Amino acid sequence: MNNEGIYSIAQLAAYLISESYHLTYRQGCNDAYYNPRNRQYILVPIFQERLLSKEEIIELFTESKATDLPPELEYHRFTLYLHAR
């Protein structure tokens, strides 16, 4: 993590996999991660070198409706995951 609140696509993908999301298909410039608990998908950009801000991650969680918690809480769980690694 370079700056506080800036995260890589790889960090987000690792978090989703650790939470039992499954990478299932590619749609345009996004990878689709399937959440079997609520049968929804979250689309994550495939550009590994791109960095995401806190707001962009919350927006991904909000748009997908695939998270188990509300988007802001899911973001905090994501940051806890990163600090625990």
N, C-alpha and C. Protein backbone atom coordinates (compact mmCIF):
# COMPACT_ATOMS: atom_id res chain seq x y z
N MET A 1 0.85 -1.16 0.00
CA MET A 1 0.00 0.00 0.00
C MET A 1 0.90 1.22 0.00
N ASN A 2 0.79 2.05 -1.02
CA ASN A 2 1.63 3.23 -1.14
C ASN A 2 1.19 4.34 -0.20
N ASN A 3 -0.03 4.72 -0.27
CA ASN A 3 -0.60 5.77 0.57
C ASN A 3 -1.81 5.21 1.29
N GLU A 4 -2.14 5.83 2.40
CA GLU A 4 -3.34 5.42 3.12
C GLU A 4 -4.56 5.71 2.25
N GLY A 5 -5.42 4.73 2.05
CA GLY A 5 -6.62 4.92 1.23
C GLY A 5 -6.42 4.64 -0.24
N ILE A 6 -5.23 4.16 -0.64
CA ILE A 6 -4.97 3.79 -2.03
C ILE A 6 -4.60 2.30 -2.05
N TYR A 7 -5.32 1.55 -2.87
CA TYR A 7 -5.16 0.09 -2.87
C TYR A 7 -5.03 -0.42 -4.30
N SER A 8 -4.39 -1.55 -4.44
CA SER A 8 -4.22 -2.15 -5.77
C SER A 8 -5.38 -3.09 -6.08
N ILE A 9 -5.54 -3.36 -7.36
CA ILE A 9 -6.54 -4.32 -7.82
C ILE A 9 -6.20 -5.70 -7.25
N ALA A 10 -4.91 -6.04 -7.19
CA ALA A 10 -4.49 -7.34 -6.67
C ALA A 10 -4.89 -7.51 -5.20
N GLN A 11 -4.80 -6.45 -4.41
CA GLN A 11 -5.22 -6.51 -3.00
C GLN A 11 -6.72 -6.77 -2.90
N LEU A 12 -7.49 -6.07 -3.72
CA LEU A 12 -8.94 -6.26 -3.71
C LEU A 12 -9.30 -7.68 -4.15
N ALA A 13 -8.65 -8.17 -5.21
CA ALA A 13 -8.93 -9.53 -5.70
C ALA A 13 -8.57 -10.57 -4.64
N ALA A 14 -7.45 -10.39 -3.96
CA ALA A 14 -7.05 -11.33 -2.90
C ALA A 14 -8.06 -11.33 -1.77
N TYR A 15 -8.57 -10.16 -1.43
CA TYR A 15 -9.60 -10.07 -0.38
C TYR A 15 -10.86 -10.82 -0.79
N LEU A 16 -11.32 -10.58 -2.02
CA LEU A 16 -12.54 -11.24 -2.48
C LEU A 16 -12.39 -12.76 -2.48
N ILE A 17 -11.24 -13.23 -2.92
CA ILE A 17 -11.00 -14.68 -2.91
C ILE A 17 -10.98 -15.21 -1.49
N SER A 18 -10.38 -14.46 -0.57
CA SER A 18 -10.34 -14.91 0.83
C SER A 18 -11.73 -14.96 1.46
N GLU A 19 -12.65 -14.17 0.92
CA GLU A 19 -14.03 -14.15 1.41
C GLU A 19 -14.93 -15.11 0.63
N SER A 20 -14.33 -16.03 -0.11
CA SER A 20 -15.02 -17.10 -0.85
C SER A 20 -15.76 -16.62 -2.09
N TYR A 21 -15.36 -15.50 -2.65
CA TYR A 21 -15.87 -15.11 -3.97
C TYR A 21 -15.11 -15.94 -4.99
N HIS A 22 -15.76 -16.22 -6.12
CA HIS A 22 -15.15 -17.04 -7.16
C HIS A 22 -15.02 -16.21 -8.43
N LEU A 23 -13.82 -16.18 -8.99
CA LEU A 23 -13.61 -15.53 -10.28
C LEU A 23 -14.25 -16.42 -11.34
N THR A 24 -15.28 -15.89 -12.00
CA THR A 24 -16.05 -16.75 -12.90
C THR A 24 -15.92 -16.39 -14.38
N TYR A 25 -15.92 -15.11 -14.72
CA TYR A 25 -15.84 -14.75 -16.13
C TYR A 25 -15.31 -13.33 -16.27
N ARG A 26 -15.02 -12.95 -17.50
CA ARG A 26 -14.55 -11.60 -17.80
C ARG A 26 -15.61 -10.92 -18.65
N GLN A 27 -15.97 -9.70 -18.25
CA GLN A 27 -16.97 -8.91 -18.98
C GLN A 27 -16.32 -7.59 -19.36
N GLY A 28 -16.00 -7.44 -20.63
CA GLY A 28 -15.32 -6.22 -21.08
C GLY A 28 -13.96 -6.10 -20.41
N CYS A 29 -13.75 -5.02 -19.68
CA CYS A 29 -12.48 -4.77 -18.98
C CYS A 29 -12.58 -5.10 -17.50
N ASN A 30 -13.50 -6.00 -17.14
CA ASN A 30 -13.70 -6.35 -15.74
C ASN A 30 -13.70 -7.86 -15.54
N ASP A 31 -13.21 -8.27 -14.39
CA ASP A 31 -13.36 -9.65 -13.95
C ASP A 31 -14.58 -9.72 -13.04
N ALA A 32 -15.38 -10.76 -13.20
CA ALA A 32 -16.58 -10.93 -12.39
C ALA A 32 -16.30 -11.93 -11.28
N TYR A 33 -16.46 -11.49 -10.04
CA TYR A 33 -16.31 -12.35 -8.87
C TYR A 33 -17.71 -12.66 -8.33
N TYR A 34 -18.00 -13.94 -8.22
CA TYR A 34 -19.32 -14.42 -7.81
C TYR A 34 -19.35 -14.66 -6.31
N ASN A 35 -20.38 -14.14 -5.65
CA ASN A 35 -20.60 -14.39 -4.23
C ASN A 35 -21.69 -15.45 -4.12
N PRO A 36 -21.35 -16.68 -3.75
CA PRO A 36 -22.36 -17.74 -3.69
C PRO A 36 -23.38 -17.55 -2.57
N ARG A 37 -23.08 -16.70 -1.60
CA ARG A 37 -24.02 -16.50 -0.49
C ARG A 37 -25.25 -15.69 -0.91
N ASN A 38 -25.08 -14.76 -1.84
CA ASN A 38 -26.24 -13.99 -2.29
C ASN A 38 -26.44 -14.04 -3.81
N ARG A 39 -25.63 -14.84 -4.49
CA ARG A 39 -25.75 -15.09 -5.93
C ARG A 39 -25.62 -13.82 -6.77
N GLN A 40 -24.73 -12.94 -6.36
CA GLN A 40 -24.48 -11.70 -7.09
C GLN A 40 -23.02 -11.64 -7.52
N TYR A 41 -22.74 -10.76 -8.46
CA TYR A 41 -21.39 -10.58 -8.98
C TYR A 41 -20.88 -9.19 -8.67
N ILE A 42 -19.58 -9.09 -8.43
CA ILE A 42 -18.92 -7.80 -8.33
C ILE A 42 -17.92 -7.73 -9.47
N LEU A 43 -17.96 -6.64 -10.23
CA LEU A 43 -17.06 -6.47 -11.36
C LEU A 43 -15.86 -5.63 -10.93
N VAL A 44 -14.68 -6.20 -11.12
CA VAL A 44 -13.42 -5.56 -10.72
C VAL A 44 -12.59 -5.32 -11.97
N PRO A 45 -12.06 -4.10 -12.15
CA PRO A 45 -11.23 -3.83 -13.34
C PRO A 45 -10.06 -4.81 -13.44
N ILE A 46 -9.68 -5.16 -14.66
CA ILE A 46 -8.62 -6.15 -14.86
C ILE A 46 -7.23 -5.52 -14.91
N PHE A 47 -7.13 -4.22 -14.93
CA PHE A 47 -5.84 -3.56 -15.05
C PHE A 47 -5.10 -3.63 -13.73
N GLN A 48 -4.17 -4.57 -13.60
CA GLN A 48 -3.48 -4.84 -12.34
C GLN A 48 -2.66 -3.66 -11.85
N GLU A 49 -2.15 -2.82 -12.75
CA GLU A 49 -1.33 -1.70 -12.33
C GLU A 49 -2.15 -0.51 -11.82
N ARG A 50 -3.43 -0.55 -12.02
CA ARG A 50 -4.30 0.55 -11.59
C ARG A 50 -4.48 0.52 -10.07
N LEU A 51 -4.54 1.70 -9.48
CA LEU A 51 -4.79 1.83 -8.05
C LEU A 51 -6.20 2.35 -7.83
N LEU A 52 -6.81 1.92 -6.74
CA LEU A 52 -8.17 2.34 -6.41
C LEU A 52 -8.17 3.12 -5.10
N SER A 53 -8.99 4.14 -5.05
CA SER A 53 -9.14 4.91 -3.82
C SER A 53 -10.25 4.28 -2.98
N LYS A 54 -10.35 4.75 -1.76
CA LYS A 54 -11.41 4.29 -0.86
C LYS A 54 -12.78 4.49 -1.51
N GLU A 55 -12.99 5.65 -2.10
CA GLU A 55 -14.28 5.97 -2.72
C GLU A 55 -14.58 5.05 -3.89
N GLU A 56 -13.56 4.71 -4.69
CA GLU A 56 -13.78 3.81 -5.82
C GLU A 56 -14.14 2.40 -5.36
N ILE A 57 -13.50 1.94 -4.30
CA ILE A 57 -13.82 0.61 -3.77
C ILE A 57 -15.24 0.58 -3.22
N ILE A 58 -15.61 1.59 -2.47
CA ILE A 58 -16.98 1.65 -1.95
C ILE A 58 -17.98 1.72 -3.09
N GLU A 59 -17.64 2.45 -4.16
CA GLU A 59 -18.53 2.52 -5.33
C GLU A 59 -18.67 1.16 -6.00
N LEU A 60 -17.57 0.40 -6.12
CA LEU A 60 -17.65 -0.97 -6.68
C LEU A 60 -18.58 -1.83 -5.84
N PHE A 61 -18.43 -1.75 -4.51
CA PHE A 61 -19.28 -2.54 -3.61
C PHE A 61 -20.73 -2.10 -3.73
N THR A 62 -20.98 -0.80 -3.85
CA THR A 62 -22.34 -0.29 -3.93
C THR A 62 -23.02 -0.71 -5.23
N GLU A 63 -22.33 -0.56 -6.34
CA GLU A 63 -22.91 -0.88 -7.65
C GLU A 63 -23.21 -2.37 -7.80
N SER A 64 -22.40 -3.22 -7.20
CA SER A 64 -22.55 -4.65 -7.41
C SER A 64 -23.67 -5.27 -6.58
N LYS A 65 -23.89 -4.76 -5.39
CA LYS A 65 -24.84 -5.36 -4.45
C LYS A 65 -24.48 -6.81 -4.14
N ALA A 66 -23.20 -7.18 -4.31
CA ALA A 66 -22.75 -8.55 -4.09
C ALA A 66 -22.13 -8.75 -2.71
N THR A 67 -21.93 -7.68 -1.97
CA THR A 67 -21.26 -7.82 -0.68
C THR A 67 -22.23 -8.30 0.39
N ASP A 68 -21.67 -8.94 1.41
CA ASP A 68 -22.48 -9.46 2.51
C ASP A 68 -22.90 -8.35 3.48
N LEU A 69 -22.09 -7.31 3.56
CA LEU A 69 -22.36 -6.18 4.45
C LEU A 69 -22.64 -4.93 3.62
N PRO A 70 -23.15 -3.87 4.23
CA PRO A 70 -23.27 -2.61 3.50
C PRO A 70 -21.89 -2.16 3.00
N PRO A 71 -21.82 -1.43 1.90
CA PRO A 71 -20.54 -1.10 1.26
C PRO A 71 -19.49 -0.49 2.18
N GLU A 72 -19.87 0.43 3.06
CA GLU A 72 -18.89 1.06 3.96
C GLU A 72 -18.32 0.05 4.95
N LEU A 73 -19.15 -0.83 5.47
CA LEU A 73 -18.67 -1.85 6.39
C LEU A 73 -17.80 -2.88 5.67
N GLU A 74 -18.18 -3.20 4.44
CA GLU A 74 -17.37 -4.14 3.65
C GLU A 74 -15.99 -3.53 3.37
N TYR A 75 -15.93 -2.22 3.13
CA TYR A 75 -14.65 -1.55 2.94
C TYR A 75 -13.79 -1.67 4.21
N HIS A 76 -14.38 -1.48 5.36
CA HIS A 76 -13.63 -1.58 6.61
C HIS A 76 -13.15 -3.02 6.85
N ARG A 77 -13.96 -3.98 6.46
CA ARG A 77 -13.53 -5.38 6.58
C ARG A 77 -12.36 -5.65 5.62
N PHE A 78 -12.39 -5.04 4.45
CA PHE A 78 -11.29 -5.13 3.49
C PHE A 78 -10.00 -4.55 4.09
N THR A 79 -10.08 -3.39 4.71
CA THR A 79 -8.87 -2.79 5.30
C THR A 79 -8.37 -3.62 6.48
N LEU A 80 -9.26 -4.21 7.26
CA LEU A 80 -8.83 -5.09 8.34
C LEU A 80 -8.10 -6.31 7.79
N TYR A 81 -8.61 -6.84 6.68
CA TYR A 81 -7.97 -7.97 6.03
C TYR A 81 -6.53 -7.61 5.64
N LEU A 82 -6.36 -6.42 5.07
CA LEU A 82 -5.03 -5.99 4.64
C LEU A 82 -4.08 -5.82 5.82
N HIS A 83 -4.56 -5.28 6.91
CA HIS A 83 -3.71 -5.06 8.09
C HIS A 83 -3.39 -6.36 8.81
N ALA A 84 -4.25 -7.36 8.67
CA ALA A 84 -4.03 -8.64 9.33
C ALA A 84 -3.05 -9.53 8.58
N ARG A 85 -2.81 -9.22 7.31
CA ARG A 85 -1.90 -10.04 6.49
C ARG A 85 -0.49 -9.84 6.88
